[in-house]
Every structure is written in structure tokens, then in C-alpha cells.
Amino acid sequence: MTDNGPMTTHPDSPSTPSTPSTDSERLEDCYPVLAALSAPARERLLRAAQWMRVPSGAMLFDDLQSCEGFPFVIEGSVRVSKCAPSGRELPLYRVGPGETCIISSSCLLGHEDYNARGVTEADTLLMMLPKPVFDEMLGERPFREFIFHLFAERIADLMQLIEEVAFRKLDQRLATLLLGKGRLLHVTHQQLADELGSVREIVSRLLKNLADQGLVRLAREQVEILDPAGLRKLSAEGSSKP
């Protein structure tokens, strides 16, 4: 992760210009709604578009920083997290190609600063739409409906996350996380803790409990699933204490 500020406000951030003529077609492939805009609106959007390629681990935006544009992800992924003063992070959601960032849209709509952090998880190609043009595009019915539809989808995702954190034990959430990553995971305990919004020591203890039960086998930066059925049962019911 870099300490650079948002890509939209800090020109020294590690990004390189992309090729608009070729990437505009990919943009409409990922976001078909743009083809439904009126011809003048579409031309205005593409003329104002800021294209960039961003390396993995770059910070697109951070807490309390101003939001100057709306990102359209064409390739790669952005992890959006809420950060505590202690440094712990709770991942809220990821933004991939064709998806939208609810934090960015809410900040633009409410004229507020960011209240979360966005970091690229892979080399990412995106188009940033400046705030004034975003405001103009809201006057176009297809664009407005697109934004609010995906806004509703993200709200549902966040409600599910709240339910997970509030009502499910950490061992259940860990089991669910492990089951979603295949039989052999090349991952550190810290990475798993970050995914769960927890700390490494607690996750390491839970992993040892799972290993003692014969559910997983642990090695350096590796977790092997031995008993998927047992993990599924734990995920559904919970059977150990964090």
C-alpha cells in the first residue's frame, strides 16, 4: 500500500495514462448503460474522461479526503475498507469491472468527504469521471437509474456484512472465508485477519483450533482444507469459541 493520496486529487500518485481510443470501447462493454446516453451526453462524458492505469497496492482514496470524481473500473479490483485508529481494517466490498463504488457515489451526491479507504488489489485500469460531469450525467435518466440501482445493491451487500459481523461468531466467518478460496490457500494469517476485520493473534488461534479438529492443515503461508463438510457445518452452526 502506498501513502499517496487519491488518484483524482494528487497528480504524483503512481498512475500512468491509458489509451482512450481503445479503452472507451472496453468501458462501454463493462458499463452498457453508457451506450444508452444521449449522443451529446456520451460525447461529453468521453471528452471529460480521465483514464489511468494504477499499480496494485495503490491508494485511490482515504478517509477524510475530498472526492473529486467517480471511478469506472475496467480491469483489476479495488478493495474498499473502513479503518480504525488502531490500524485495523474491515473490508466493506470490492469494486471490479462493471461495478460501482457506493462510497464514491454517496460522497459525490452528499458533497461529503470520503469516510473509507480504497486500495487497488491488482493492476487496475479505470476511468475517472470528474465531479462536475458526474453531476451533469445524473440529468440523464439511464445514468441516474444505473447509479441508484447499483447503490441499492451495495446497500444490500453492506447490510449482509453488518449481519455477519454482528450476529456470527468469528470462527463461523473464518470457516466461510476458507471455503470460498479453494482447497489449498496460499495466504498469511494476517491476510485472513484483514479480510475478517480482526487481528492476527485471534485468527491464528482459531486456525490452530481448526487444525486440531482435523478440518485444516497449516503450513507457512498456506492453509489446506482437509474436511470441507466439517467447515461447512461450522460455518452454518459454529462450534468453537474465538
Protein backbone atom coordinates (compact mmCIF):
# COMPACT_ATOMS: atom_id res chain seq x y z
CA MET A 1 0.00 0.00 0.00
CA THR A 2 1.29 3.42 -0.83
CA ASP A 3 0.94 6.59 1.18
CA ASN A 4 -0.10 8.61 -1.86
CA GLY A 5 -3.45 10.34 -1.79
CA PRO A 6 -6.45 9.83 -4.05
CA MET A 7 -5.73 9.41 -7.73
CA THR A 8 -8.17 12.19 -8.56
CA THR A 9 -6.52 14.87 -6.44
CA HIS A 10 -2.83 14.01 -6.27
CA PRO A 11 -1.02 14.06 -9.63
CA ASP A 12 2.08 12.47 -8.07
CA SER A 13 0.20 9.23 -7.36
CA PRO A 14 1.59 6.13 -9.15
CA SER A 15 -0.64 6.03 -12.21
CA THR A 16 0.03 6.16 -15.94
CA PRO A 17 -2.25 7.44 -18.70
CA SER A 18 -4.19 4.85 -20.65
CA THR A 19 -5.32 4.88 -24.31
CA PRO A 20 -8.79 6.46 -24.56
CA SER A 21 -9.50 5.43 -28.16
CA THR A 22 -9.26 1.73 -27.36
CA ASP A 23 -10.40 1.79 -23.75
CA SER A 24 -13.64 3.66 -24.47
CA GLU A 25 -14.94 0.54 -26.20
CA ARG A 26 -13.99 -1.58 -23.19
CA LEU A 27 -15.66 0.99 -20.95
CA GLU A 28 -18.99 0.54 -22.73
CA ASP A 29 -18.54 -3.24 -22.68
CA CYS A 30 -18.24 -3.08 -18.88
CA TYR A 31 -20.90 -0.39 -18.45
CA PRO A 32 -23.51 -0.85 -21.24
CA VAL A 33 -25.64 1.92 -19.75
CA LEU A 34 -23.22 4.46 -21.22
CA ALA A 35 -24.30 3.47 -24.73
CA ALA A 36 -27.87 4.42 -23.74
CA LEU A 37 -26.93 8.03 -23.05
CA SER A 38 -27.94 10.73 -25.49
CA ALA A 39 -25.29 11.43 -28.12
CA PRO A 40 -24.31 14.83 -26.63
CA ALA A 41 -24.09 13.36 -23.10
CA ARG A 42 -21.99 10.42 -24.26
CA GLU A 43 -19.64 12.74 -26.13
CA ARG A 44 -19.37 15.00 -23.08
CA LEU A 45 -18.60 12.03 -20.82
CA LEU A 46 -15.89 10.60 -23.07
CA ARG A 47 -14.34 14.02 -23.62
CA ALA A 48 -14.06 14.61 -19.86
CA ALA A 49 -12.93 11.08 -19.01
CA GLN A 50 -9.63 10.75 -17.14
CA TRP A 51 -8.02 7.41 -17.98
CA MET A 52 -5.38 5.83 -15.78
CA ARG A 53 -3.57 2.60 -15.11
CA VAL A 54 -2.88 2.12 -11.43
CA PRO A 55 -0.46 -0.44 -9.94
CA SER A 56 -1.51 -2.97 -7.35
CA GLY A 57 -1.40 -1.66 -3.79
CA ALA A 58 -2.00 1.99 -4.69
CA MET A 59 -4.35 4.08 -2.56
CA LEU A 60 -7.13 5.60 -4.66
CA PHE A 61 -8.75 7.45 -1.77
CA ASP A 62 -8.57 7.64 2.01
CA ASP A 63 -10.69 8.67 4.96
CA LEU A 64 -11.49 12.40 5.20
CA GLN A 65 -10.15 13.20 1.73
CA SER A 66 -12.31 15.03 -0.78
CA CYS A 67 -13.99 13.11 -3.58
CA GLU A 68 -13.31 14.74 -6.93
CA GLY A 69 -14.56 12.07 -9.31
CA PHE A 70 -16.42 8.83 -9.90
CA PRO A 71 -14.37 5.73 -10.82
CA PHE A 72 -15.36 3.23 -13.51
CA VAL A 73 -13.25 0.07 -13.18
CA ILE A 74 -12.43 -1.59 -16.50
CA GLU A 75 -9.97 -4.19 -15.25
CA GLY A 76 -8.48 -5.07 -11.88
CA SER A 77 -10.06 -4.64 -8.45
CA VAL A 78 -10.35 -2.04 -5.70
CA ARG A 79 -10.85 -3.06 -2.05
CA VAL A 80 -12.86 -0.54 -0.04
CA SER A 81 -12.33 -0.74 3.73
CA LYS A 82 -13.20 1.10 6.91
CA CYS A 83 -10.12 1.80 9.01
CA ALA A 84 -9.86 2.16 12.78
CA PRO A 85 -7.34 4.46 14.52
CA SER A 86 -5.54 1.31 15.69
CA GLY A 87 -4.81 0.41 12.08
CA ARG A 88 -7.29 -2.46 11.85
CA GLU A 89 -9.37 -2.59 8.68
CA LEU A 90 -12.80 -4.02 7.95
CA PRO A 91 -13.23 -4.75 4.23
CA LEU A 92 -16.61 -3.41 3.10
CA TYR A 93 -16.70 -4.52 -0.53
CA ARG A 94 -14.68 -4.80 -3.71
CA VAL A 95 -15.20 -2.94 -6.96
CA GLY A 96 -14.49 -4.88 -10.13
CA PRO A 97 -15.17 -4.26 -13.83
CA GLY A 98 -18.74 -3.13 -14.41
CA GLU A 99 -19.33 -2.36 -10.72
CA THR A 100 -19.58 0.91 -8.84
CA CYS A 101 -18.24 2.34 -5.59
CA ILE A 102 -21.07 3.29 -3.26
CA ILE A 103 -18.72 5.36 -1.09
CA SER A 104 -17.71 7.49 -4.08
CA SER A 105 -21.30 7.93 -5.24
CA SER A 106 -22.56 8.82 -1.75
CA CYS A 107 -19.77 11.35 -1.26
CA LEU A 108 -20.49 12.96 -4.62
CA LEU A 109 -24.25 13.02 -4.06
CA GLY A 110 -23.94 14.30 -0.49
CA HIS A 111 -20.99 16.65 -1.11
CA GLU A 112 -19.08 14.92 1.68
CA ASP A 113 -15.50 13.74 2.13
CA TYR A 114 -14.58 10.08 1.90
CA ASN A 115 -15.26 8.01 5.02
CA ALA A 116 -13.38 4.88 3.91
CA ARG A 117 -10.22 3.80 2.11
CA GLY A 118 -9.88 2.39 -1.41
CA VAL A 119 -6.79 0.38 -2.41
CA THR A 120 -6.13 -1.49 -5.65
CA GLU A 121 -5.70 -5.25 -5.20
CA ALA A 122 -4.28 -5.77 -8.69
CA ASP A 123 -3.00 -3.63 -11.55
CA THR A 124 -6.13 -1.67 -12.37
CA LEU A 125 -7.41 0.22 -15.39
CA LEU A 126 -10.07 2.78 -14.61
CA MET A 127 -11.79 5.85 -15.97
CA MET A 128 -12.36 8.69 -13.55
CA LEU A 129 -15.35 10.92 -14.28
CA PRO A 130 -14.82 14.41 -12.79
CA LYS A 131 -17.43 15.54 -10.27
CA PRO A 132 -18.98 18.32 -12.43
CA VAL A 133 -19.56 15.88 -15.28
CA PHE A 134 -20.92 13.24 -12.88
CA ASP A 135 -23.46 15.84 -11.74
CA GLU A 136 -24.37 16.53 -15.37
CA MET A 137 -24.80 12.84 -16.15
CA LEU A 138 -27.33 12.49 -13.33
CA GLY A 139 -29.64 14.51 -15.53
CA GLU A 140 -29.64 11.59 -17.97
CA ARG A 141 -32.28 9.07 -16.93
CA PRO A 142 -30.32 5.89 -17.90
CA PHE A 143 -27.26 7.04 -15.95
CA ARG A 144 -29.31 8.13 -12.94
CA GLU A 145 -31.19 4.81 -12.80
CA PHE A 146 -27.91 2.91 -13.16
CA ILE A 147 -26.32 4.72 -10.23
CA PHE A 148 -29.29 4.27 -7.90
CA HIS A 149 -29.83 0.63 -8.89
CA LEU A 150 -26.25 -0.28 -8.05
CA PHE A 151 -26.46 1.93 -4.97
CA ALA A 152 -29.32 -0.28 -3.75
CA GLU A 153 -27.33 -3.44 -4.50
CA ARG A 154 -24.36 -2.20 -2.47
CA ILE A 155 -26.62 -1.25 0.43
CA ALA A 156 -27.90 -4.84 0.47
CA ASP A 157 -24.31 -6.13 0.49
CA LEU A 158 -23.41 -3.84 3.38
CA MET A 159 -26.47 -4.95 5.35
CA GLN A 160 -25.32 -8.54 4.91
CA LEU A 161 -21.85 -7.57 6.15
CA ILE A 162 -23.36 -5.92 9.23
CA GLU A 163 -25.33 -9.09 9.91
CA GLU A 164 -22.18 -11.19 9.52
CA VAL A 165 -20.14 -9.07 11.92
CA ALA A 166 -22.92 -8.53 14.48
CA PHE A 167 -24.53 -11.95 14.65
CA ARG A 168 -22.00 -14.56 13.53
CA LYS A 169 -19.04 -15.75 15.58
CA LEU A 170 -15.58 -15.21 14.20
CA ASP A 171 -14.91 -18.93 13.77
CA GLN A 172 -18.02 -19.22 11.59
CA ARG A 173 -16.91 -16.29 9.46
CA LEU A 174 -13.41 -17.76 9.16
CA ALA A 175 -14.83 -21.10 8.03
CA THR A 176 -16.95 -19.34 5.41
CA LEU A 177 -13.93 -17.38 4.19
CA LEU A 178 -11.78 -20.50 3.88
CA LEU A 179 -14.47 -22.39 1.98
CA GLY A 180 -14.64 -19.65 -0.62
CA LYS A 181 -10.97 -19.86 -1.59
CA GLY A 182 -10.45 -23.44 -2.80
CA ARG A 183 -8.80 -26.48 -1.22
CA LEU A 184 -5.28 -25.01 -0.95
CA LEU A 185 -4.92 -21.40 0.15
CA HIS A 186 -1.64 -19.53 -0.21
CA VAL A 187 -2.35 -16.88 2.36
CA THR A 188 -0.93 -15.50 5.60
CA HIS A 189 -2.75 -15.36 8.92
CA GLN A 190 -2.51 -11.57 8.70
CA GLN A 191 -4.25 -11.54 5.32
CA LEU A 192 -7.09 -13.65 6.70
CA ALA A 193 -7.33 -11.35 9.71
CA ASP A 194 -7.53 -8.33 7.41
CA GLU A 195 -10.36 -9.96 5.47
CA LEU A 196 -12.27 -10.55 8.69
CA GLY A 197 -11.53 -7.20 10.28
CA SER A 198 -9.80 -9.00 13.16
CA VAL A 199 -6.23 -9.35 14.46
CA ARG A 200 -3.65 -11.95 13.53
CA GLU A 201 -3.33 -13.45 17.02
CA ILE A 202 -7.02 -14.34 17.24
CA VAL A 203 -7.14 -15.74 13.72
CA SER A 204 -4.00 -17.81 14.36
CA ARG A 205 -5.61 -19.29 17.46
CA LEU A 206 -8.79 -20.12 15.55
CA LEU A 207 -6.79 -21.73 12.74
CA LYS A 208 -4.94 -23.87 15.28
CA ASN A 209 -8.31 -24.96 16.69
CA LEU A 210 -9.44 -25.93 13.20
CA ALA A 211 -6.21 -27.86 12.66
CA ASP A 212 -6.62 -29.67 16.00
CA GLN A 213 -10.11 -30.73 14.85
CA GLY A 214 -8.67 -32.12 11.62
CA LEU A 215 -10.50 -29.58 9.47
CA VAL A 216 -7.39 -27.93 8.01
CA ARG A 217 -3.64 -28.43 7.78
CA LEU A 218 -1.39 -25.44 8.39
CA ALA A 219 1.97 -24.65 6.83
CA ARG A 220 3.95 -21.47 6.26
CA GLU A 221 1.67 -19.03 4.39
CA GLN A 222 -0.58 -21.95 3.48
CA VAL A 223 -3.87 -23.46 4.65
CA GLU A 224 -5.05 -26.77 3.23
CA ILE A 225 -8.71 -27.71 3.58
CA LEU A 226 -8.96 -31.32 4.81
CA ASP A 227 -12.62 -31.56 5.75
CA PRO A 228 -14.86 -29.23 3.69
CA ALA A 229 -18.02 -30.81 5.14
CA GLY A 230 -16.81 -30.09 8.65
CA LEU A 231 -16.05 -26.49 7.74
CA ARG A 232 -19.48 -26.11 6.17
CA LYS A 233 -21.06 -27.38 9.38
CA LEU A 234 -19.00 -24.93 11.42
CA SER A 235 -19.88 -22.12 9.03
CA ALA A 236 -23.58 -22.84 9.48
CA GLU A 237 -23.64 -23.55 13.20
CA GLY A 238 -20.41 -22.50 14.93
CA SER A 239 -18.71 -24.95 17.27
CA SER A 240 -15.76 -23.25 18.92
CA LYS A 241 -15.12 -20.01 20.73
CA PRO A 242 -12.79 -17.28 19.43
